[in-house]
Amino acid sequence: MSFQAYLDNIKIKTGKSPDDFKKLAEEKGLLKPGIKAGEVVAWLKKDFDLGHGHAMAIYSVFKGLNEQNTDNTIDKHFSGEKEKWLSVYNTLIKKIQSFSTDLKTAPVASYISLLRGERKFAVVQVTKDRMYIGLKLKDQSPTERFELAGNWNTQMTHKVAVISSKELDKVLFSWLQKAYDQNAPKK
């Protein structure tokens, strides 16, 4: 789903445009310096019944971020000390493409979404020490390696930390395949 489609769906659901939400947020004092994204998102979810993705889209409008922002490229995620993870990421994507006909990547400020068509099934977040992979899986118990995502990314159910390319193994790809399969486009 494009960024504009997110905003259009929010308008259909609530009758409000991003500017309407911005005015309301200003009235509540939610755009003052020091206010965290989580506070704004919680307000949007509670008062307007928005999902996390929709609430983050509105928040990104408040902060002047959107998918046209050239800083949100995949390259940005692999700059400086994180550059060493680019080859691991490329291997990951190539392997996913072996079982995917409709893989899309969508970088945002803090992670890269992996989409099946328009549905997110995984995310990748890179730090200087590791690459986290978040997975959206229903009815899957956590393991020692694949822990619950919790607050790390509320759109994902599980996460795994990759600290070397050797961890791009059959087990990881079976979990990715399962997440991909479970998140087929709605008909």
Protein backbone atom coordinates (compact mmCIF):
# COMPACT_ATOMS: atom_id res chain seq x y z
CA MET A 1 0.00 0.00 0.00
CA SER A 2 1.41 3.38 -0.93
CA PHE A 3 1.83 6.11 1.64
CA GLN A 4 -0.93 8.14 -0.01
CA ALA A 5 -3.25 5.11 0.09
CA TYR A 6 -2.63 4.90 3.85
CA LEU A 7 -3.66 8.54 4.22
CA ASP A 8 -6.70 8.05 1.96
CA ASN A 9 -7.85 5.06 4.04
CA ILE A 10 -7.47 7.09 7.24
CA LYS A 11 -9.62 9.87 5.76
CA ILE A 12 -12.29 7.32 4.75
CA LYS A 13 -12.27 5.74 8.22
CA THR A 14 -12.18 8.92 10.31
CA GLY A 15 -13.30 11.72 8.01
CA LYS A 16 -10.11 13.56 8.92
CA SER A 17 -7.14 14.62 6.84
CA PRO A 18 -3.55 14.74 8.12
CA ASP A 19 -3.98 18.52 8.57
CA ASP A 20 -7.09 17.90 10.71
CA PHE A 21 -5.11 15.49 12.89
CA LYS A 22 -2.22 17.96 13.12
CA LYS A 23 -4.54 20.70 14.41
CA LEU A 24 -6.00 18.34 17.01
CA ALA A 25 -2.52 17.19 18.07
CA GLU A 26 -1.38 20.81 18.45
CA GLU A 27 -4.44 21.56 20.61
CA LYS A 28 -3.54 18.59 22.85
CA GLY A 29 0.10 19.71 23.07
CA LEU A 30 1.35 16.60 21.29
CA LEU A 31 3.61 18.43 18.84
CA LYS A 32 5.75 20.18 21.44
CA PRO A 33 9.47 19.37 21.62
CA GLY A 34 10.18 16.29 23.71
CA ILE A 35 6.91 14.52 22.91
CA LYS A 36 7.72 10.99 21.76
CA ALA A 37 6.21 9.23 18.76
CA GLY A 38 4.70 6.61 21.06
CA GLU A 39 2.57 9.23 22.84
CA VAL A 40 1.15 10.54 19.58
CA VAL A 41 0.58 7.04 18.21
CA ALA A 42 -1.17 5.95 21.44
CA TRP A 43 -3.51 8.96 21.19
CA LEU A 44 -4.35 8.22 17.54
CA LYS A 45 -5.00 4.56 18.30
CA LYS A 46 -7.13 5.26 21.39
CA ASP A 47 -9.16 8.25 20.20
CA PHE A 48 -9.54 7.34 16.51
CA ASP A 49 -9.21 3.54 16.53
CA LEU A 50 -6.30 3.67 14.08
CA GLY A 51 -3.98 0.72 13.67
CA HIS A 52 -0.29 1.16 14.40
CA GLY A 53 0.70 1.58 10.74
CA HIS A 54 -1.96 4.20 10.11
CA ALA A 55 -1.06 6.08 13.30
CA MET A 56 2.63 6.08 12.31
CA ALA A 57 1.69 7.41 8.86
CA ILE A 58 -0.08 10.37 10.47
CA TYR A 59 2.84 10.90 12.85
CA SER A 60 5.26 10.88 9.92
CA VAL A 61 3.22 13.65 8.27
CA PHE A 62 3.51 15.67 11.49
CA LYS A 63 7.27 15.30 11.44
CA GLY A 64 7.60 15.98 7.71
CA LEU A 65 8.55 12.41 6.90
CA ASN A 66 7.02 10.41 4.09
CA GLU A 67 8.08 7.91 1.51
CA GLN A 68 9.26 10.67 -0.81
CA ASN A 69 11.92 11.58 1.74
CA THR A 70 15.20 10.72 0.02
CA ASP A 71 16.83 9.98 3.38
CA ASN A 72 14.68 6.87 3.69
CA THR A 73 16.53 4.80 1.15
CA ILE A 74 17.91 1.34 1.68
CA ASP A 75 21.44 2.77 1.43
CA LYS A 76 20.82 4.89 4.53
CA HIS A 77 20.34 1.72 6.56
CA PHE A 78 23.81 0.49 5.61
CA SER A 79 25.92 3.60 6.07
CA GLY A 80 28.96 3.99 8.28
CA GLU A 81 29.55 1.13 10.72
CA LYS A 82 26.46 -0.67 9.41
CA GLU A 83 27.89 -1.04 5.89
CA LYS A 84 29.18 -4.54 6.72
CA TRP A 85 25.55 -5.78 6.84
CA LEU A 86 24.72 -4.87 3.23
CA SER A 87 26.01 -8.16 1.78
CA VAL A 88 24.12 -10.14 4.45
CA TYR A 89 20.95 -8.19 3.63
CA ASN A 90 21.44 -8.79 -0.11
CA THR A 91 21.84 -12.53 0.53
CA LEU A 92 18.67 -12.48 2.64
CA ILE A 93 16.67 -10.71 -0.09
CA LYS A 94 18.00 -12.98 -2.84
CA LYS A 95 16.95 -16.08 -0.88
CA ILE A 96 13.48 -14.66 -0.15
CA GLN A 97 13.09 -13.91 -3.87
CA SER A 98 13.60 -17.63 -4.54
CA PHE A 99 10.20 -18.35 -2.95
CA SER A 100 8.59 -14.98 -3.64
CA THR A 101 7.09 -13.65 -6.83
CA ASP A 102 5.84 -10.40 -5.33
CA LEU A 103 8.48 -9.27 -2.81
CA LYS A 104 8.72 -5.52 -2.29
CA THR A 105 11.00 -3.63 0.04
CA ALA A 106 9.91 -0.38 1.66
CA PRO A 107 12.52 1.46 3.70
CA VAL A 108 11.33 3.81 6.42
CA ALA A 109 13.38 5.78 8.91
CA SER A 110 14.27 2.95 11.30
CA TYR A 111 13.77 -0.29 9.36
CA ILE A 112 13.09 -1.88 5.99
CA SER A 113 9.68 -3.49 5.48
CA LEU A 114 9.46 -6.70 3.48
CA LEU A 115 6.11 -6.85 1.74
CA ARG A 116 4.23 -9.54 -0.09
CA GLY A 117 2.36 -7.41 -2.55
CA GLU A 118 1.10 -4.74 -0.19
CA ARG A 119 1.17 -6.83 3.03
CA LYS A 120 4.08 -6.65 5.44
CA PHE A 121 5.40 -10.06 6.48
CA ALA A 122 8.80 -9.10 7.89
CA VAL A 123 11.06 -6.18 8.70
CA VAL A 124 14.83 -5.76 8.81
CA GLN A 125 16.53 -3.39 11.23
CA VAL A 126 20.29 -2.95 11.15
CA THR A 127 22.59 -1.83 13.96
CA LYS A 128 26.37 -1.76 13.93
CA ASP A 129 26.51 -5.09 15.78
CA ARG A 130 23.61 -7.09 14.33
CA MET A 131 20.74 -7.29 11.93
CA TYR A 132 17.32 -7.88 13.44
CA ILE A 133 14.64 -9.60 11.42
CA GLY A 134 11.06 -9.22 12.60
CA LEU A 135 8.42 -11.71 11.46
CA LYS A 136 4.63 -11.55 11.37
CA LEU A 137 3.49 -15.07 12.28
CA LYS A 138 0.20 -16.26 13.73
CA ASP A 139 0.03 -19.17 16.16
CA GLN A 140 3.79 -19.62 16.40
CA SER A 141 5.38 -20.19 19.78
CA PRO A 142 8.62 -18.37 20.47
CA THR A 143 11.89 -20.25 20.76
CA GLU A 144 15.22 -19.35 22.29
CA ARG A 145 16.34 -17.99 18.91
CA PHE A 146 13.02 -16.58 17.66
CA GLU A 147 11.71 -14.53 20.55
CA LEU A 148 8.51 -12.53 20.81
CA ALA A 149 8.89 -9.10 19.23
CA GLY A 150 7.03 -7.30 22.02
CA ASN A 151 7.55 -3.54 21.89
CA TRP A 152 10.52 -3.83 19.52
CA ASN A 153 8.06 -3.61 16.61
CA THR A 154 4.39 -3.97 17.44
CA GLN A 155 3.50 -4.95 13.87
CA MET A 156 5.68 -8.06 14.15
CA THR A 157 5.13 -11.08 16.39
CA HIS A 158 8.69 -12.48 16.52
CA LYS A 159 12.24 -11.25 16.09
CA VAL A 160 15.60 -12.86 15.58
CA ALA A 161 19.04 -11.28 15.89
CA VAL A 162 21.53 -12.14 13.17
CA ILE A 163 25.15 -11.59 14.17
CA SER A 164 26.81 -13.32 11.21
CA SER A 165 25.94 -14.47 7.70
CA LYS A 166 26.12 -18.07 8.97
CA GLU A 167 22.80 -17.47 10.73
CA LEU A 168 21.05 -17.10 7.37
CA ASP A 169 20.21 -20.78 7.59
CA LYS A 170 17.41 -23.19 6.70
CA VAL A 171 15.60 -22.56 9.98
CA LEU A 172 15.51 -18.80 9.46
CA PHE A 173 14.30 -19.17 5.88
CA SER A 174 11.62 -21.66 6.91
CA TRP A 175 10.28 -19.05 9.37
CA LEU A 176 10.46 -16.36 6.68
CA GLN A 177 8.66 -18.64 4.21
CA LYS A 178 5.94 -19.29 6.79
CA ALA A 179 5.51 -15.55 7.44
CA TYR A 180 5.41 -14.93 3.69
CA ASP A 181 2.79 -17.66 3.18
CA GLN A 182 0.60 -16.43 6.05
CA ASN A 183 0.56 -12.88 4.73
CA ALA A 184 -0.76 -13.48 1.24
CA PRO A 185 -2.65 -10.56 -0.30
CA LYS A 186 -6.31 -10.49 0.66
CA LYS A 187 -8.67 -11.46 -2.13
